[in-house]
N, C-alpha and C. Protein backbone atom coordinates (compact mmCIF):
# COMPACT_ATOMS: atom_id res chain seq x y z
N UNK A 1 -15.62 -51.74 246.27
CA UNK A 1 -15.56 -50.38 245.80
C UNK A 1 -16.40 -49.46 246.68
N UNK A 2 -17.62 -49.86 247.06
CA UNK A 2 -18.54 -48.96 247.74
C UNK A 2 -18.00 -48.44 249.06
N UNK A 3 -17.23 -49.23 249.77
CA UNK A 3 -16.76 -48.80 251.08
C UNK A 3 -15.77 -47.65 250.99
N UNK A 4 -15.12 -47.45 249.88
CA UNK A 4 -14.09 -46.41 249.80
C UNK A 4 -14.63 -45.01 249.52
N UNK A 5 -15.94 -44.84 249.39
CA UNK A 5 -16.46 -43.49 249.19
C UNK A 5 -16.67 -42.77 250.53
N UNK A 6 -16.38 -43.46 251.63
CA UNK A 6 -16.44 -42.83 252.94
C UNK A 6 -15.37 -43.46 253.84
N UNK A 7 -15.06 -42.76 254.93
CA UNK A 7 -14.15 -43.33 255.91
C UNK A 7 -14.64 -42.97 257.30
N UNK A 8 -14.43 -43.89 258.23
CA UNK A 8 -14.85 -43.68 259.60
C UNK A 8 -13.94 -42.71 260.33
N UNK A 9 -14.53 -41.98 261.27
CA UNK A 9 -13.81 -41.05 262.14
C UNK A 9 -14.30 -41.32 263.56
N UNK A 10 -13.63 -40.73 264.52
CA UNK A 10 -14.05 -40.91 265.91
C UNK A 10 -15.46 -40.39 266.16
N UNK A 11 -15.84 -39.33 265.46
CA UNK A 11 -17.13 -38.68 265.71
C UNK A 11 -18.15 -38.90 264.59
N UNK A 12 -17.91 -39.86 263.71
CA UNK A 12 -18.84 -40.13 262.61
C UNK A 12 -18.12 -40.63 261.38
N UNK A 13 -18.49 -40.10 260.21
CA UNK A 13 -17.85 -40.50 258.96
C UNK A 13 -17.59 -39.28 258.08
N UNK A 14 -16.63 -39.44 257.17
CA UNK A 14 -16.40 -38.47 256.10
C UNK A 14 -16.81 -39.15 254.81
N UNK A 15 -17.55 -38.43 254.01
CA UNK A 15 -18.15 -38.95 252.80
C UNK A 15 -17.65 -38.11 251.63
N UNK A 16 -17.31 -38.76 250.53
CA UNK A 16 -16.81 -38.06 249.34
C UNK A 16 -17.93 -38.05 248.30
N UNK A 17 -18.26 -36.85 247.83
CA UNK A 17 -19.42 -36.68 246.95
C UNK A 17 -19.01 -35.88 245.71
N UNK A 18 -19.54 -36.29 244.57
CA UNK A 18 -19.43 -35.48 243.34
C UNK A 18 -20.82 -34.92 243.09
N UNK A 19 -20.94 -33.61 243.19
CA UNK A 19 -22.24 -32.95 243.09
C UNK A 19 -22.44 -32.30 241.73
N UNK A 20 -23.62 -32.52 241.17
CA UNK A 20 -24.02 -31.85 239.94
C UNK A 20 -25.16 -30.91 240.28
N UNK A 21 -24.90 -29.59 240.28
CA UNK A 21 -25.98 -28.63 240.54
C UNK A 21 -26.80 -28.37 239.29
N UNK A 22 -27.86 -27.61 239.43
CA UNK A 22 -28.76 -27.25 238.32
C UNK A 22 -29.32 -28.47 237.60
N UNK A 23 -29.60 -29.50 238.33
CA UNK A 23 -30.16 -30.71 237.76
C UNK A 23 -31.68 -30.59 237.67
N UNK A 24 -32.29 -31.52 236.99
CA UNK A 24 -33.75 -31.52 236.89
C UNK A 24 -34.41 -32.11 238.13
N UNK A 25 -33.60 -32.77 238.99
CA UNK A 25 -34.15 -33.37 240.22
C UNK A 25 -33.07 -33.46 241.28
N UNK A 26 -33.49 -33.61 242.52
CA UNK A 26 -32.59 -33.87 243.63
C UNK A 26 -32.51 -35.38 243.80
N UNK A 27 -31.31 -35.94 243.72
CA UNK A 27 -31.19 -37.39 243.83
C UNK A 27 -29.77 -37.82 244.15
N UNK A 28 -29.68 -38.95 244.85
CA UNK A 28 -28.41 -39.64 245.05
C UNK A 28 -28.39 -40.75 244.01
N UNK A 29 -27.32 -40.82 243.22
CA UNK A 29 -27.29 -41.75 242.10
C UNK A 29 -26.37 -42.95 242.30
N UNK A 30 -25.79 -43.11 243.46
CA UNK A 30 -24.96 -44.26 243.72
C UNK A 30 -23.48 -43.91 243.72
N UNK A 31 -22.67 -44.94 243.82
CA UNK A 31 -21.22 -44.78 243.92
C UNK A 31 -20.60 -44.88 242.54
N UNK A 32 -19.68 -43.97 242.26
CA UNK A 32 -18.94 -43.97 241.00
C UNK A 32 -17.45 -44.00 241.29
N UNK A 33 -16.70 -44.49 240.33
CA UNK A 33 -15.24 -44.51 240.44
C UNK A 33 -14.66 -43.58 239.39
N UNK A 34 -13.81 -42.67 239.84
CA UNK A 34 -13.17 -41.70 238.94
C UNK A 34 -12.00 -42.36 238.22
N UNK A 35 -11.45 -41.66 237.25
CA UNK A 35 -10.32 -42.18 236.48
C UNK A 35 -9.11 -42.46 237.38
N UNK A 36 -8.96 -41.71 238.45
CA UNK A 36 -7.84 -41.93 239.38
C UNK A 36 -8.15 -43.03 240.39
N UNK A 37 -9.25 -43.77 240.18
CA UNK A 37 -9.68 -44.91 240.97
C UNK A 37 -10.24 -44.56 242.34
N UNK A 38 -10.41 -43.27 242.63
CA UNK A 38 -11.07 -42.89 243.88
C UNK A 38 -12.58 -42.98 243.68
N UNK A 39 -13.27 -43.37 244.72
CA UNK A 39 -14.72 -43.51 244.65
C UNK A 39 -15.40 -42.33 245.33
N UNK A 40 -16.58 -42.02 244.85
CA UNK A 40 -17.38 -40.96 245.43
C UNK A 40 -18.86 -41.28 245.20
N UNK A 41 -19.69 -40.67 246.01
CA UNK A 41 -21.12 -40.79 245.84
C UNK A 41 -21.55 -39.71 244.86
N UNK A 42 -22.30 -40.08 243.86
CA UNK A 42 -22.79 -39.11 242.87
C UNK A 42 -24.15 -38.60 243.34
N UNK A 43 -24.28 -37.26 243.32
CA UNK A 43 -25.54 -36.64 243.75
C UNK A 43 -25.87 -35.49 242.81
N UNK A 44 -27.16 -35.21 242.68
CA UNK A 44 -27.65 -34.10 241.86
C UNK A 44 -28.61 -33.28 242.70
N UNK A 45 -28.55 -31.97 242.50
CA UNK A 45 -29.52 -31.08 243.16
C UNK A 45 -30.01 -30.04 242.15
N UNK A 46 -31.21 -29.55 242.37
CA UNK A 46 -31.78 -28.53 241.50
C UNK A 46 -31.19 -27.15 241.76
N UNK A 47 -30.67 -26.94 242.95
CA UNK A 47 -30.17 -25.63 243.35
C UNK A 47 -29.00 -25.18 242.49
N UNK A 48 -28.87 -23.86 242.39
CA UNK A 48 -27.76 -23.27 241.64
C UNK A 48 -26.53 -23.18 242.54
N UNK A 49 -25.34 -23.21 241.94
CA UNK A 49 -24.12 -23.15 242.75
C UNK A 49 -23.73 -21.70 243.09
N UNK A 50 -24.62 -21.02 243.77
CA UNK A 50 -24.39 -19.63 244.15
C UNK A 50 -24.66 -19.45 245.63
N UNK A 51 -23.75 -18.79 246.32
CA UNK A 51 -23.92 -18.44 247.74
C UNK A 51 -24.25 -19.65 248.61
N UNK A 52 -23.67 -20.80 248.29
CA UNK A 52 -23.85 -22.00 249.10
C UNK A 52 -25.19 -22.71 248.94
N UNK A 53 -25.99 -22.31 247.97
CA UNK A 53 -27.31 -22.91 247.80
C UNK A 53 -27.22 -24.39 247.42
N UNK A 54 -26.31 -24.75 246.53
CA UNK A 54 -26.18 -26.15 246.12
C UNK A 54 -25.65 -26.99 247.28
N UNK A 55 -24.72 -26.45 248.06
CA UNK A 55 -24.20 -27.19 249.21
C UNK A 55 -25.30 -27.42 250.25
N UNK A 56 -26.11 -26.39 250.50
CA UNK A 56 -27.22 -26.53 251.45
C UNK A 56 -28.22 -27.57 250.95
N UNK A 57 -28.49 -27.57 249.65
CA UNK A 57 -29.41 -28.56 249.08
C UNK A 57 -28.84 -29.97 249.21
N UNK A 58 -27.52 -30.10 249.04
CA UNK A 58 -26.88 -31.41 249.20
C UNK A 58 -27.00 -31.89 250.64
N UNK A 59 -26.75 -31.02 251.60
CA UNK A 59 -26.87 -31.39 253.01
C UNK A 59 -28.31 -31.85 253.31
N UNK A 60 -29.28 -31.11 252.79
CA UNK A 60 -30.68 -31.46 253.00
C UNK A 60 -31.02 -32.81 252.36
N UNK A 61 -30.54 -33.03 251.14
CA UNK A 61 -30.78 -34.29 250.44
C UNK A 61 -30.19 -35.47 251.20
N UNK A 62 -28.94 -35.34 251.63
CA UNK A 62 -28.29 -36.43 252.36
C UNK A 62 -29.00 -36.72 253.68
N UNK A 63 -29.43 -35.68 254.37
CA UNK A 63 -30.16 -35.88 255.63
C UNK A 63 -31.44 -36.67 255.39
N UNK A 64 -32.15 -36.32 254.33
CA UNK A 64 -33.39 -37.03 254.00
C UNK A 64 -33.11 -38.48 253.61
N UNK A 65 -32.10 -38.69 252.78
CA UNK A 65 -31.77 -40.05 252.32
C UNK A 65 -31.29 -40.95 253.47
N UNK A 66 -30.56 -40.37 254.42
CA UNK A 66 -30.02 -41.15 255.53
C UNK A 66 -30.96 -41.20 256.73
N UNK A 67 -31.96 -40.34 256.75
CA UNK A 67 -32.89 -40.31 257.87
C UNK A 67 -32.27 -39.77 259.15
N UNK A 68 -31.40 -38.77 259.00
CA UNK A 68 -30.73 -38.19 260.15
C UNK A 68 -30.94 -36.67 260.14
N UNK A 69 -30.71 -35.99 261.27
CA UNK A 69 -30.90 -34.53 261.30
C UNK A 69 -29.93 -33.81 260.38
N UNK A 70 -30.41 -32.76 259.75
CA UNK A 70 -29.58 -32.00 258.82
C UNK A 70 -28.39 -31.36 259.52
N UNK A 71 -28.54 -30.98 260.78
CA UNK A 71 -27.44 -30.32 261.48
C UNK A 71 -26.28 -31.25 261.79
N UNK A 72 -26.41 -32.54 261.50
CA UNK A 72 -25.29 -33.46 261.68
C UNK A 72 -24.48 -33.65 260.40
N UNK A 73 -24.85 -32.93 259.32
CA UNK A 73 -24.18 -33.03 258.03
C UNK A 73 -23.61 -31.67 257.65
N UNK A 74 -22.34 -31.66 257.25
CA UNK A 74 -21.70 -30.39 256.89
C UNK A 74 -20.65 -30.60 255.80
N UNK A 75 -20.64 -29.72 254.81
CA UNK A 75 -19.59 -29.70 253.79
C UNK A 75 -18.34 -29.14 254.46
N UNK A 76 -17.27 -29.94 254.51
CA UNK A 76 -16.04 -29.49 255.18
C UNK A 76 -14.91 -29.19 254.21
N UNK A 77 -15.04 -29.61 252.96
CA UNK A 77 -14.03 -29.31 251.94
C UNK A 77 -14.70 -29.34 250.57
N UNK A 78 -14.22 -28.48 249.68
CA UNK A 78 -14.74 -28.44 248.32
C UNK A 78 -15.99 -27.61 248.17
N UNK A 79 -16.14 -26.58 248.99
CA UNK A 79 -17.36 -25.76 248.96
C UNK A 79 -17.64 -25.18 247.58
N UNK A 80 -16.59 -24.87 246.81
CA UNK A 80 -16.78 -24.30 245.48
C UNK A 80 -16.41 -25.28 244.37
N UNK A 81 -16.27 -26.54 244.71
CA UNK A 81 -15.87 -27.57 243.76
C UNK A 81 -17.00 -28.58 243.61
N UNK A 82 -17.00 -29.34 242.53
CA UNK A 82 -17.97 -30.43 242.39
C UNK A 82 -17.63 -31.59 243.32
N UNK A 83 -16.34 -31.80 243.58
CA UNK A 83 -15.92 -32.87 244.49
C UNK A 83 -15.87 -32.32 245.90
N UNK A 84 -16.63 -32.92 246.80
CA UNK A 84 -16.78 -32.40 248.15
C UNK A 84 -16.49 -33.46 249.19
N UNK A 85 -16.05 -33.01 250.34
CA UNK A 85 -15.93 -33.87 251.50
C UNK A 85 -17.01 -33.42 252.48
N UNK A 86 -17.82 -34.38 252.91
CA UNK A 86 -18.93 -34.12 253.81
C UNK A 86 -18.65 -34.83 255.13
N UNK A 87 -18.81 -34.13 256.25
CA UNK A 87 -18.67 -34.76 257.55
C UNK A 87 -20.07 -35.01 258.10
N UNK A 88 -20.28 -36.26 258.52
CA UNK A 88 -21.55 -36.65 259.14
C UNK A 88 -21.22 -37.08 260.55
N UNK A 89 -21.75 -36.36 261.53
CA UNK A 89 -21.44 -36.69 262.92
C UNK A 89 -22.50 -37.62 263.49
N UNK A 90 -22.04 -38.49 264.38
CA UNK A 90 -22.92 -39.46 265.01
C UNK A 90 -22.15 -40.73 265.33
N UNK A 91 -22.87 -41.81 265.59
CA UNK A 91 -22.27 -43.10 265.88
C UNK A 91 -21.64 -43.67 264.62
N UNK A 92 -20.33 -43.87 264.65
CA UNK A 92 -19.60 -44.30 263.46
C UNK A 92 -20.12 -45.61 262.90
N UNK A 93 -20.37 -46.59 263.75
CA UNK A 93 -20.86 -47.89 263.29
C UNK A 93 -22.21 -47.80 262.60
N UNK A 94 -23.13 -47.06 263.21
CA UNK A 94 -24.46 -46.91 262.61
C UNK A 94 -24.39 -46.13 261.30
N UNK A 95 -23.56 -45.08 261.29
CA UNK A 95 -23.43 -44.30 260.05
C UNK A 95 -22.79 -45.12 258.93
N UNK A 96 -21.82 -45.97 259.27
CA UNK A 96 -21.20 -46.82 258.25
C UNK A 96 -22.24 -47.75 257.62
N UNK A 97 -23.14 -48.28 258.43
CA UNK A 97 -24.22 -49.12 257.90
C UNK A 97 -25.12 -48.33 256.96
N UNK A 98 -25.46 -47.09 257.38
CA UNK A 98 -26.29 -46.23 256.53
C UNK A 98 -25.60 -45.92 255.20
N UNK A 99 -24.28 -45.71 255.25
CA UNK A 99 -23.53 -45.43 254.02
C UNK A 99 -23.58 -46.62 253.07
N UNK A 100 -23.44 -47.82 253.61
CA UNK A 100 -23.48 -49.01 252.76
C UNK A 100 -24.88 -49.19 252.16
N UNK A 101 -25.92 -48.89 252.92
CA UNK A 101 -27.29 -48.96 252.39
C UNK A 101 -27.48 -47.93 251.28
N UNK A 102 -26.94 -46.73 251.49
CA UNK A 102 -27.04 -45.67 250.49
C UNK A 102 -26.34 -46.07 249.20
N UNK A 103 -25.22 -46.74 249.31
CA UNK A 103 -24.47 -47.17 248.13
C UNK A 103 -25.22 -48.23 247.33
N UNK A 104 -26.05 -49.01 247.99
CA UNK A 104 -26.80 -50.08 247.30
C UNK A 104 -28.04 -49.57 246.59
N UNK A 105 -28.45 -48.35 246.83
CA UNK A 105 -29.68 -47.82 246.20
C UNK A 105 -29.48 -47.53 244.74
């Protein structure tokens, strides 16, 4: 199940995230499976969903959790939705390993 919350690309990986804004803490909560059997990484941020603040907080959180520069992470789809597609640029193999480690937390 964990491997399906992201997919490899030539320039990195695409990651599927379900974001909960206005949370009491910033945290990655692991991989969840939706009713339609698609998997996503569950994340929470304290930021409000206004003017991209929650998306920016998510990018910052993922950069910290993965130990990579924030400028290599970008929301590419779902900017105004809870379900988001995140592009992480870098070495695909190394990023895939980081994604699997993130899923085990």
